[in-house]
């Protein structure tokens, strides 16, 4: 019988984020709320799709021994690399917390994968490498783009997950605790009631790489130094906040004018979309609010769950 997880203290998410290694962006996903609240609401109109999502969670559990239903929260650290001009890659490492025994879960994974795993020792910790024969969906929704998943228990209630290099960086960070990602953590934690919160830097190298592939987007982002936002869940709506911190108030106003122009331009094309997409776009644009606060631009909107469900539930 699965062990039920208890609610975590309000600062538990910040503590989890603080255990990540240095990153360009961080995010916090409240997994329990996503699985228990958001996913059933979105997929309720399509029972077949809901069953498919639950089957994907079970498949992930069987393949790795890790049951996402036991996760309370996942903190993600994202780092950008630039292997060559015009190419940007994102490396992601995760920390999962919950009321589970990390050692027992990894042991279950060893049994589930039989001989398809190996163990490595690093800094006094054991890293388990699971060979994945095919892409899996984490939480039943997101594709896992790894051929080998590395997992290491940091303590009885925390797991590090990702590729082998990322998990090693997490272990290093746990040995040398310093104040890294402090500002990003504050941005990602601004709304304690959100089911997802994120904060990230926009490094100059990222802008330079964007210029090679999309100069228009790069120009719009030149004055942006940080982005942050959140996804909230109310009784009827999903609420989205995306904010940009720019170099000064003038840049924030200019960016706001651009967004307002795009809002008006987008309204012209709503009726050309298929019915389900048209309803979602109309809801998002109708509720869209663009405000400036000093050097910050904030974009808020709310979308009815009934408008999102048909798109999420499509086969």
Foldseek 3Di string as FASTA:
>chain_A
DDDAWDDDPLCVQLVQQLLAFFAQKKKKAQLLCCLVPVLCLLAVVPVVLSVLLVVLQVVVCLQALDRSNQFRMKMKGWHWDDPDALDIDIFIKIKTFGPAFLVVSRVSRCVSQPPQWDWDDDPNWIKIKGADPDWGAHSSHHTDPDRIKIWTDPGRTMIMIGDPVSVNSSVVCVVPRDRHCVVFSCQQPVDSQFSMKMKGFCDPSNLRSCCVVPVVVSVLCVFFTMKIWTWHDDPWKIKIKIKTAGPWQVSQVVSLVVVVVVLVVVVVCLVVDPPLSSLQNCQFSVAWDWDDDIRMIMIMGIGTSVSSSVVSNDD
